[in-house]
């Protein structure tokens, strides 16, 4: 058995690989077609012009679905552990799942509202994705702190805290540099500007902002690598419960009496 076949660790692995492939594919396509500059464009700029816009949107929607699935499994795992260790953390765990769903919703908004068409909705999506996503990271980090040493080690807590600090630093850097960039270009529709010339007003702030955005995306995606070890311990099991021996009401079928026991059939070994 390969390592990614153990438990459900394929979920966070698929999320990280697919999301990274989304950004890389859109970037390579946009650069080859000369829709953006090769020097660190905004991630959203690489998915603004067709044909990469369509592929970027579809792939990012798939990433959002994988994100919800991963966060739900994480929520159920911690819920089961909290029943054993500390039931008071259930609300914090639920809050983390809600924040995670909000971040995934933001990815869908970014995927369907391009920066150059409806900038306000695109901005809302970006805030949901990265802002709410950063809160999700810190909630999970706090849970890791409160559940050590029985569930999580100190190493895992410090790893997640480091990723959270990295994410926060990237957000602050991107926000400050973006404010400087927009203020240095009055009257210019910066959200529609896809090509930049070195030395022009706002170029330095633009580069810092784009580097911060790529750093933010990398930190956010990297956080899910910390789930791999935990997800190896999770398996799924589905039980089929038949209440009768036929699917439709028909005189040709004998109805199940009270003496007929219900049938169960395990489909997948293991449990959450």
C-alpha atoms as a PDB file:
ATOM      1  CA  UNK A   1       0.000   0.000   0.000  1.00  0.00           C
ATOM      2  CA  UNK A   2       1.338   3.421  -0.994  1.00  0.00           C
ATOM      3  CA  UNK A   3       1.461   6.115   1.672  1.00  0.00           C
ATOM      4  CA  UNK A   4      -1.322   8.151   0.031  1.00  0.00           C
ATOM      5  CA  UNK A   5      -3.593   5.105   0.119  1.00  0.00           C
ATOM      6  CA  UNK A   6      -3.550   4.973   3.900  1.00  0.00           C
ATOM      7  CA  UNK A   7      -6.827   6.158   5.373  1.00  0.00           C
ATOM      8  CA  UNK A   8      -8.160   9.355   3.799  1.00  0.00           C
ATOM      9  CA  UNK A   9      -4.888  11.242   3.407  1.00  0.00           C
ATOM     10  CA  UNK A  10      -5.594  11.301  -0.338  1.00  0.00           C
ATOM     11  CA  UNK A  11      -8.043  14.153   0.371  1.00  0.00           C
ATOM     12  CA  UNK A  12      -5.551  16.812   1.570  1.00  0.00           C
ATOM     13  CA  UNK A  13      -2.981  15.557  -0.952  1.00  0.00           C
ATOM     14  CA  UNK A  14      -5.458  15.920  -3.812  1.00  0.00           C
ATOM     15  CA  UNK A  15      -6.483  19.372  -2.560  1.00  0.00           C
ATOM     16  CA  UNK A  16      -2.897  20.645  -2.475  1.00  0.00           C
ATOM     17  CA  UNK A  17      -1.855  19.133  -5.810  1.00  0.00           C
ATOM     18  CA  UNK A  18      -5.003  20.187  -7.666  1.00  0.00           C
ATOM     19  CA  UNK A  19      -4.936  23.763  -6.345  1.00  0.00           C
ATOM     20  CA  UNK A  20      -1.244  24.150  -7.139  1.00  0.00           C
ATOM     21  CA  UNK A  21      -1.871  22.753 -10.636  1.00  0.00           C
ATOM     22  CA  UNK A  22      -4.677  25.294 -11.089  1.00  0.00           C
ATOM     23  CA  UNK A  23      -2.381  28.228 -10.393  1.00  0.00           C
ATOM     24  CA  UNK A  24       0.575  26.856 -12.359  1.00  0.00           C
ATOM     25  CA  UNK A  25      -1.432  25.861 -15.429  1.00  0.00           C
ATOM     26  CA  UNK A  26      -3.200  29.232 -15.591  1.00  0.00           C
ATOM     27  CA  UNK A  27       0.112  31.072 -15.148  1.00  0.00           C
ATOM     28  CA  UNK A  28       1.944  29.125 -17.883  1.00  0.00           C
ATOM     29  CA  UNK A  29      -0.953  29.505 -20.330  1.00  0.00           C
ATOM     30  CA  UNK A  30      -1.366  33.235 -19.673  1.00  0.00           C
ATOM     31  CA  UNK A  31       2.379  33.877 -20.062  1.00  0.00           C
ATOM     32  CA  UNK A  32       2.674  31.843 -23.272  1.00  0.00           C
ATOM     33  CA  UNK A  33      -0.277  33.717 -24.791  1.00  0.00           C
ATOM     34  CA  UNK A  34       1.189  37.021 -23.494  1.00  0.00           C
ATOM     35  CA  UNK A  35      -1.920  37.905 -21.555  1.00  0.00           C
ATOM     36  CA  UNK A  36       0.182  38.769 -18.493  1.00  0.00           C
ATOM     37  CA  UNK A  37       3.805  39.609 -17.765  1.00  0.00           C
ATOM     38  CA  UNK A  38       6.077  36.713 -16.760  1.00  0.00           C
ATOM     39  CA  UNK A  39       7.321  38.617 -13.697  1.00  0.00           C
ATOM     40  CA  UNK A  40       4.978  37.540 -10.881  1.00  0.00           C
ATOM     41  CA  UNK A  41       1.474  38.581 -12.012  1.00  0.00           C
ATOM     42  CA  UNK A  42      -1.531  38.434  -9.730  1.00  0.00           C
ATOM     43  CA  UNK A  43      -2.996  34.938  -9.511  1.00  0.00           C
ATOM     44  CA  UNK A  44      -6.384  36.271 -10.575  1.00  0.00           C
ATOM     45  CA  UNK A  45      -4.803  38.005 -13.593  1.00  0.00           C
ATOM     46  CA  UNK A  46      -3.674  34.630 -14.924  1.00  0.00           C
ATOM     47  CA  UNK A  47      -7.324  33.572 -15.104  1.00  0.00           C
ATOM     48  CA  UNK A  48      -8.796  36.741 -16.563  1.00  0.00           C
ATOM     49  CA  UNK A  49      -8.587  36.244 -20.330  1.00  0.00           C
ATOM     50  CA  UNK A  50      -9.895  33.311 -22.357  1.00  0.00           C
ATOM     51  CA  UNK A  51      -9.030  30.466 -22.821  1.00  0.00           C
ATOM     52  CA  UNK A  52      -7.258  30.131 -19.460  1.00  0.00           C
ATOM     53  CA  UNK A  53     -10.153  31.917 -17.757  1.00  0.00           C
ATOM     54  CA  UNK A  54     -12.514  28.986 -18.373  1.00  0.00           C
ATOM     55  CA  UNK A  55     -10.062  26.321 -17.225  1.00  0.00           C
ATOM     56  CA  UNK A  56      -9.041  28.408 -14.202  1.00  0.00           C
ATOM     57  CA  UNK A  57     -12.666  28.770 -13.111  1.00  0.00           C
ATOM     58  CA  UNK A  58     -13.480  25.082 -13.499  1.00  0.00           C
ATOM     59  CA  UNK A  59     -10.343  23.895 -11.705  1.00  0.00           C
ATOM     60  CA  UNK A  60     -10.783  26.380  -8.869  1.00  0.00           C
ATOM     61  CA  UNK A  61     -14.360  25.211  -8.334  1.00  0.00           C
ATOM     62  CA  UNK A  62     -13.069  21.645  -8.027  1.00  0.00           C
ATOM     63  CA  UNK A  63     -10.536  22.891  -5.455  1.00  0.00           C
ATOM     64  CA  UNK A  64     -13.384  24.446  -3.477  1.00  0.00           C
ATOM     65  CA  UNK A  65     -15.226  21.108  -3.460  1.00  0.00           C
ATOM     66  CA  UNK A  66     -12.092  19.248  -2.311  1.00  0.00           C
ATOM     67  CA  UNK A  67     -11.614  21.901   0.379  1.00  0.00           C
ATOM     68  CA  UNK A  68     -15.116  21.383   1.793  1.00  0.00           C
ATOM     69  CA  UNK A  69     -14.665  17.601   1.756  1.00  0.00           C
ATOM     70  CA  UNK A  70     -11.306  17.847   3.532  1.00  0.00           C
ATOM     71  CA  UNK A  71     -12.580  20.282   6.159  1.00  0.00           C
ATOM     72  CA  UNK A  72     -15.688  18.174   6.800  1.00  0.00           C
ATOM     73  CA  UNK A  73     -13.616  15.050   7.420  1.00  0.00           C
ATOM     74  CA  UNK A  74     -11.387  17.068   9.728  1.00  0.00           C
ATOM     75  CA  UNK A  75     -14.467  18.344  11.576  1.00  0.00           C
ATOM     76  CA  UNK A  76     -15.871  14.824  12.044  1.00  0.00           C
ATOM     77  CA  UNK A  77     -12.492  13.509  13.179  1.00  0.00           C
ATOM     78  CA  UNK A  78     -12.106  16.158  15.870  1.00  0.00           C
ATOM     79  CA  UNK A  79     -15.743  15.763  16.869  1.00  0.00           C
ATOM     80  CA  UNK A  80     -15.152  12.073  17.559  1.00  0.00           C
ATOM     81  CA  UNK A  81     -11.996  12.820  19.522  1.00  0.00           C
ATOM     82  CA  UNK A  82     -13.647  15.567  21.550  1.00  0.00           C
ATOM     83  CA  UNK A  83     -16.365  13.196  22.712  1.00  0.00           C
ATOM     84  CA  UNK A  84     -13.557  11.322  24.397  1.00  0.00           C
ATOM     85  CA  UNK A  85     -11.361  14.153  25.643  1.00  0.00           C
ATOM     86  CA  UNK A  86     -13.163  17.485  25.938  1.00  0.00           C
ATOM     87  CA  UNK A  87     -16.726  18.173  24.806  1.00  0.00           C
ATOM     88  CA  UNK A  88     -16.281  21.906  25.432  1.00  0.00           C
ATOM     89  CA  UNK A  89     -14.258  22.232  22.238  1.00  0.00           C
ATOM     90  CA  UNK A  90     -17.144  21.179  20.007  1.00  0.00           C
ATOM     91  CA  UNK A  91     -18.258  24.755  19.385  1.00  0.00           C
ATOM     92  CA  UNK A  92     -14.758  25.802  18.412  1.00  0.00           C
ATOM     93  CA  UNK A  93     -14.552  22.829  16.073  1.00  0.00           C
ATOM     94  CA  UNK A  94     -17.886  23.779  14.487  1.00  0.00           C
ATOM     95  CA  UNK A  95     -16.711  27.369  14.107  1.00  0.00           C
ATOM     96  CA  UNK A  96     -13.633  26.113  12.272  1.00  0.00           C
ATOM     97  CA  UNK A  97     -15.758  24.091   9.864  1.00  0.00           C
ATOM     98  CA  UNK A  98     -18.041  27.075   9.159  1.00  0.00           C
ATOM     99  CA  UNK A  99     -15.004  29.276   8.479  1.00  0.00           C
ATOM    100  CA  UNK A 100     -13.577  26.617   6.199  1.00  0.00           C
ATOM    101  CA  UNK A 101     -16.805  26.453   4.211  1.00  0.00           C
ATOM    102  CA  UNK A 102     -16.749  30.248   3.944  1.00  0.00           C
ATOM    103  CA  UNK A 103     -13.231  30.125   2.545  1.00  0.00           C
ATOM    104  CA  UNK A 104     -14.259  27.505  -0.022  1.00  0.00           C
ATOM    105  CA  UNK A 105     -17.242  29.656  -0.978  1.00  0.00           C
ATOM    106  CA  UNK A 106     -14.816  32.505  -1.576  1.00  0.00           C
ATOM    107  CA  UNK A 107     -12.882  30.314  -4.009  1.00  0.00           C
ATOM    108  CA  UNK A 108     -16.082  29.751  -5.978  1.00  0.00           C
ATOM    109  CA  UNK A 109     -16.732  33.502  -6.069  1.00  0.00           C
ATOM    110  CA  UNK A 110     -13.188  34.195  -7.322  1.00  0.00           C
ATOM    111  CA  UNK A 111     -13.556  31.453  -9.932  1.00  0.00           C
ATOM    112  CA  UNK A 112     -16.795  32.888 -11.329  1.00  0.00           C
ATOM    113  CA  UNK A 113     -16.246  36.654 -11.018  1.00  0.00           C
ATOM    114  CA  UNK A 114     -13.169  37.857 -12.859  1.00  0.00           C
ATOM    115  CA  UNK A 115     -11.166  40.792 -11.589  1.00  0.00           C
ATOM    116  CA  UNK A 116     -11.678  42.888 -14.737  1.00  0.00           C
ATOM    117  CA  UNK A 117     -15.455  42.379 -14.993  1.00  0.00           C
ATOM    118  CA  UNK A 118     -16.977  42.685 -11.526  1.00  0.00           C
ATOM    119  CA  UNK A 119     -14.174  43.787  -9.241  1.00  0.00           C
ATOM    120  CA  UNK A 120     -16.314  44.236  -6.123  1.00  0.00           C
ATOM    121  CA  UNK A 121     -17.492  40.600  -6.140  1.00  0.00           C
ATOM    122  CA  UNK A 122     -13.999  39.407  -6.952  1.00  0.00           C
ATOM    123  CA  UNK A 123     -12.714  41.347  -3.945  1.00  0.00           C
ATOM    124  CA  UNK A 124     -15.383  39.783  -1.733  1.00  0.00           C
ATOM    125  CA  UNK A 125     -14.292  36.357  -2.919  1.00  0.00           C
ATOM    126  CA  UNK A 126     -10.640  37.128  -2.199  1.00  0.00           C
ATOM    127  CA  UNK A 127     -11.465  38.316   1.334  1.00  0.00           C
ATOM    128  CA  UNK A 128     -13.498  35.173   1.968  1.00  0.00           C
ATOM    129  CA  UNK A 129     -10.809  32.899   0.553  1.00  0.00           C
ATOM    130  CA  UNK A 130      -7.758  34.320   2.272  1.00  0.00           C
ATOM    131  CA  UNK A 131      -9.158  36.364   5.150  1.00  0.00           C
ATOM    132  CA  UNK A 132     -11.645  33.788   6.414  1.00  0.00           C
ATOM    133  CA  UNK A 133      -9.178  31.059   5.436  1.00  0.00           C
ATOM    134  CA  UNK A 134      -6.578  32.607   7.727  1.00  0.00           C
ATOM    135  CA  UNK A 135      -9.098  32.530  10.583  1.00  0.00           C
ATOM    136  CA  UNK A 136      -9.698  28.849   9.832  1.00  0.00           C
ATOM    137  CA  UNK A 137      -5.963  28.169  10.108  1.00  0.00           C
ATOM    138  CA  UNK A 138      -5.771  29.886  13.501  1.00  0.00           C
ATOM    139  CA  UNK A 139      -8.848  28.055  14.801  1.00  0.00           C
ATOM    140  CA  UNK A 140      -7.293  24.725  13.827  1.00  0.00           C
ATOM    141  CA  UNK A 141      -4.018  25.822  15.398  1.00  0.00           C
ATOM    142  CA  UNK A 142      -5.815  26.697  18.619  1.00  0.00           C
ATOM    143  CA  UNK A 143      -7.515  23.306  18.598  1.00  0.00           C
ATOM    144  CA  UNK A 144      -4.133  21.656  18.133  1.00  0.00           C
ATOM    145  CA  UNK A 145      -2.833  23.569  21.151  1.00  0.00           C
ATOM    146  CA  UNK A 146      -5.807  22.680  23.348  1.00  0.00           C
ATOM    147  CA  UNK A 147      -5.731  19.003  22.366  1.00  0.00           C
ATOM    148  CA  UNK A 148      -2.058  18.365  23.101  1.00  0.00           C
ATOM    149  CA  UNK A 149      -0.421  16.140  24.188  1.00  0.00           C
ATOM    150  CA  UNK A 150      -3.151  13.472  23.996  1.00  0.00           C
ATOM    151  CA  UNK A 151      -4.088  14.108  20.344  1.00  0.00           C
ATOM    152  CA  UNK A 152      -1.503  16.471  18.861  1.00  0.00           C
ATOM    153  CA  UNK A 153       2.188  16.840  19.560  1.00  0.00           C
ATOM    154  CA  UNK A 154       3.918  20.139  20.245  1.00  0.00           C
ATOM    155  CA  UNK A 155       5.712  19.837  16.917  1.00  0.00           C
ATOM    156  CA  UNK A 156       2.422  19.778  15.021  1.00  0.00           C
ATOM    157  CA  UNK A 157       1.136  22.778  16.975  1.00  0.00           C
ATOM    158  CA  UNK A 158       4.262  24.829  16.237  1.00  0.00           C
ATOM    159  CA  UNK A 159       4.145  23.810  12.576  1.00  0.00           C
ATOM    160  CA  UNK A 160       0.576  25.007  12.199  1.00  0.00           C
ATOM    161  CA  UNK A 161       1.303  28.164  14.171  1.00  0.00           C
ATOM    162  CA  UNK A 162       4.257  28.916  11.876  1.00  0.00           C
ATOM    163  CA  UNK A 163       2.031  28.538   8.821  1.00  0.00           C
ATOM    164  CA  UNK A 164      -0.543  30.823  10.455  1.00  0.00           C
ATOM    165  CA  UNK A 165       2.093  33.504  11.104  1.00  0.00           C
ATOM    166  CA  UNK A 166       3.330  33.144   7.528  1.00  0.00           C
ATOM    167  CA  UNK A 167      -0.222  33.612   6.266  1.00  0.00           C
ATOM    168  CA  UNK A 168      -0.800  36.690   8.446  1.00  0.00           C
ATOM    169  CA  UNK A 169       2.471  38.302   7.341  1.00  0.00           C
ATOM    170  CA  UNK A 170       1.553  37.742   3.688  1.00  0.00           C
ATOM    171  CA  UNK A 171      -1.892  39.286   4.190  1.00  0.00           C
ATOM    172  CA  UNK A 172      -0.464  42.388   5.871  1.00  0.00           C
ATOM    173  CA  UNK A 173       2.216  42.798   3.199  1.00  0.00           C
ATOM    174  CA  UNK A 174      -0.280  42.417   0.365  1.00  0.00           C
ATOM    175  CA  UNK A 175      -2.756  44.857   1.943  1.00  0.00           C
ATOM    176  CA  UNK A 176      -0.181  47.588   2.626  1.00  0.00           C
ATOM    177  CA  UNK A 177       1.472  47.301  -0.793  1.00  0.00           C
ATOM    178  CA  UNK A 178      -1.903  47.286  -2.568  1.00  0.00           C
ATOM    179  CA  UNK A 179      -2.960  50.481  -0.786  1.00  0.00           C
ATOM    180  CA  UNK A 180       0.315  52.147  -1.812  1.00  0.00           C
ATOM    181  CA  UNK A 181      -0.080  50.922  -5.386  1.00  0.00           C
ATOM    182  CA  UNK A 182      -3.631  52.228  -5.782  1.00  0.00           C
ATOM    183  CA  UNK A 183      -2.790  55.556  -4.138  1.00  0.00           C
ATOM    184  CA  UNK A 184       0.177  56.097  -6.473  1.00  0.00           C
ATOM    185  CA  UNK A 185      -1.984  55.610  -9.581  1.00  0.00           C
ATOM    186  CA  UNK A 186      -4.960  57.974  -9.225  1.00  0.00           C
ATOM    187  CA  UNK A 187      -7.433  57.792 -12.073  1.00  0.00           C
ATOM    188  CA  UNK A 188      -6.039  54.473 -13.348  1.00  0.00           C
ATOM    189  CA  UNK A 189      -8.176  51.325 -13.355  1.00  0.00           C
ATOM    190  CA  UNK A 190      -5.557  49.202 -11.660  1.00  0.00           C
ATOM    191  CA  UNK A 191      -7.790  46.137 -11.564  1.00  0.00           C
ATOM    192  CA  UNK A 192      -7.803  46.080 -15.387  1.00  0.00           C
ATOM    193  CA  UNK A 193      -4.081  46.709 -15.771  1.00  0.00           C
ATOM    194  CA  UNK A 194      -2.449  43.407 -16.810  1.00  0.00           C
ATOM    195  CA  UNK A 195       0.918  44.684 -18.061  1.00  0.00           C
ATOM    196  CA  UNK A 196       3.471  46.648 -16.046  1.00  0.00           C
ATOM    197  CA  UNK A 197       6.692  48.359 -17.071  1.00  0.00           C
ATOM    198  CA  UNK A 198       9.653  48.485 -14.656  1.00  0.00           C
ATOM    199  CA  UNK A 199      10.156  52.004 -13.346  1.00  0.00           C
ATOM    200  CA  UNK A 200       6.607  53.248 -13.850  1.00  0.00           C
ATOM    201  CA  UNK A 201       4.673  54.616 -10.840  1.00  0.00           C
ATOM    202  CA  UNK A 202       3.413  51.887  -8.563  1.00  0.00           C
ATOM    203  CA  UNK A 203       5.557  49.138 -10.130  1.00  0.00           C
ATOM    204  CA  UNK A 204       7.511  48.332  -6.966  1.00  0.00           C
ATOM    205  CA  UNK A 205       4.372  48.227  -4.845  1.00  0.00           C
ATOM    206  CA  UNK A 206       2.743  46.044  -7.493  1.00  0.00           C
ATOM    207  CA  UNK A 207       5.583  43.501  -7.392  1.00  0.00           C
ATOM    208  CA  UNK A 208       5.516  43.389  -3.587  1.00  0.00           C
ATOM    209  CA  UNK A 209       1.747  42.908  -3.678  1.00  0.00           C
ATOM    210  CA  UNK A 210       1.878  40.080  -6.225  1.00  0.00           C
ATOM    211  CA  UNK A 211       4.713  38.301  -4.403  1.00  0.00           C
ATOM    212  CA  UNK A 212       2.710  38.584  -1.179  1.00  0.00           C
ATOM    213  CA  UNK A 213      -0.353  37.110  -2.893  1.00  0.00           C
ATOM    214  CA  UNK A 214       1.595  34.104  -4.204  1.00  0.00           C
ATOM    215  CA  UNK A 215       3.170  33.692  -0.775  1.00  0.00           C
ATOM    216  CA  UNK A 216      -0.286  33.843   0.821  1.00  0.00           C
ATOM    217  CA  UNK A 217      -1.681  31.224  -1.546  1.00  0.00           C
ATOM    218  CA  UNK A 218       1.324  28.970  -0.936  1.00  0.00           C
ATOM    219  CA  UNK A 219       1.004  29.253   2.840  1.00  0.00           C
ATOM    220  CA  UNK A 220      -2.723  28.575   2.754  1.00  0.00           C
ATOM    221  CA  UNK A 221      -2.319  25.504   0.550  1.00  0.00           C
ATOM    222  CA  UNK A 222       0.660  24.246   2.554  1.00  0.00           C
ATOM    223  CA  UNK A 223      -1.408  24.173   5.722  1.00  0.00           C
ATOM    224  CA  UNK A 224      -3.321  21.151   4.459  1.00  0.00           C
ATOM    225  CA  UNK A 225      -0.100  19.160   4.285  1.00  0.00           C
ATOM    226  CA  UNK A 226      -0.318  19.033   8.090  1.00  0.00           C
ATOM    227  CA  UNK A 227      -3.512  16.971   7.769  1.00  0.00           C
ATOM    228  CA  UNK A 228      -1.853  14.057   5.970  1.00  0.00           C
ATOM    229  CA  UNK A 229      -0.588  12.323   9.086  1.00  0.00           C
ATOM    230  CA  UNK A 230      -3.935  12.735  10.864  1.00  0.00           C
ATOM    231  CA  UNK A 231      -5.975  11.550   7.886  1.00  0.00           C
ATOM    232  CA  UNK A 232      -3.989   8.311   7.667  1.00  0.00           C
ATOM    233  CA  UNK A 233      -5.886   7.210  10.773  1.00  0.00           C
ATOM    234  CA  UNK A 234      -9.334   7.686   9.213  1.00  0.00           C
ATOM    235  CA  UNK A 235     -11.296   5.164   7.152  1.00  0.00           C
ATOM    236  CA  UNK A 236     -14.822   5.330   5.802  1.00  0.00           C
ATOM    237  CA  UNK A 237     -17.541   2.745   6.252  1.00  0.00           C
ATOM    238  CA  UNK A 238     -21.006   2.788   4.724  1.00  0.00           C
ATOM    239  CA  UNK A 239     -23.804   0.538   5.995  1.00  0.00           C
ATOM    240  CA  UNK A 240     -26.814  -0.231   3.803  1.00  0.00           C
ATOM    241  CA  UNK A 241     -30.017  -0.766   5.785  1.00  0.00           C
ATOM    242  CA  UNK A 242     -32.853  -2.451   3.872  1.00  0.00           C
ATOM    243  CA  UNK A 243     -36.292  -2.048   5.414  1.00  0.00           C
ATOM    244  CA  UNK A 244     -37.949  -4.389   2.898  1.00  0.00           C
ATOM    245  CA  UNK A 245     -36.999  -6.912   0.231  1.00  0.00           C
ATOM    246  CA  UNK A 246     -38.419  -4.923  -2.705  1.00  0.00           C
ATOM    247  CA  UNK A 247     -38.106  -1.374  -4.009  1.00  0.00           C
ATOM    248  CA  UNK A 248     -41.660  -0.641  -5.161  1.00  0.00           C
ATOM    249  CA  UNK A 249     -45.167  -1.433  -3.968  1.00  0.00           C
ATOM    250  CA  UNK A 250     -46.370  -4.327  -6.088  1.00  0.00           C
ATOM    251  CA  UNK A 251     -48.671  -7.328  -5.526  1.00  0.00           C
ATOM    252  CA  UNK A 252     -45.966  -9.565  -7.009  1.00  0.00           C
ATOM    253  CA  UNK A 253     -43.677  -8.917  -4.081  1.00  0.00           C
ATOM    254  CA  UNK A 254     -44.129 -10.281  -0.618  1.00  0.00           C
ATOM    255  CA  UNK A 255     -43.927  -7.436   1.940  1.00  0.00           C
ATOM    256  CA  UNK A 256     -41.445  -7.796   4.727  1.00  0.00           C
ATOM    257  CA  UNK A 257     -43.006  -8.881   7.979  1.00  0.00           C
ATOM    258  CA  UNK A 258     -41.900  -7.939  11.427  1.00  0.00           C
ATOM    259  CA  UNK A 259     -40.068 -11.269  11.676  1.00  0.00           C
ATOM    260  CA  UNK A 260     -37.735 -10.465   8.764  1.00  0.00           C
ATOM    261  CA  UNK A 261     -34.558  -8.915  10.122  1.00  0.00           C
ATOM    262  CA  UNK A 262     -33.077  -5.858   8.466  1.00  0.00           C
ATOM    263  CA  UNK A 263     -30.072  -6.520   6.298  1.00  0.00           C
ATOM    264  CA  UNK A 264     -26.841  -4.610   6.578  1.00  0.00           C
ATOM    265  CA  UNK A 265     -24.003  -4.710   4.111  1.00  0.00           C
ATOM    266  CA  UNK A 266     -20.651  -3.068   4.790  1.00  0.00           C
ATOM    267  CA  UNK A 267     -19.331  -1.374   1.685  1.00  0.00           C
ATOM    268  CA  UNK A 268     -16.071   0.081   2.883  1.00  0.00           C
ATOM    269  CA  UNK A 269     -14.027  -1.166   5.769  1.00  0.00           C
ATOM    270  CA  UNK A 270     -13.104   1.105   8.615  1.00  0.00           C
ATOM    271  CA  UNK A 271     -14.811   3.944  10.408  1.00  0.00           C
ATOM    272  CA  UNK A 272     -14.511   7.664  11.049  1.00  0.00           C
END
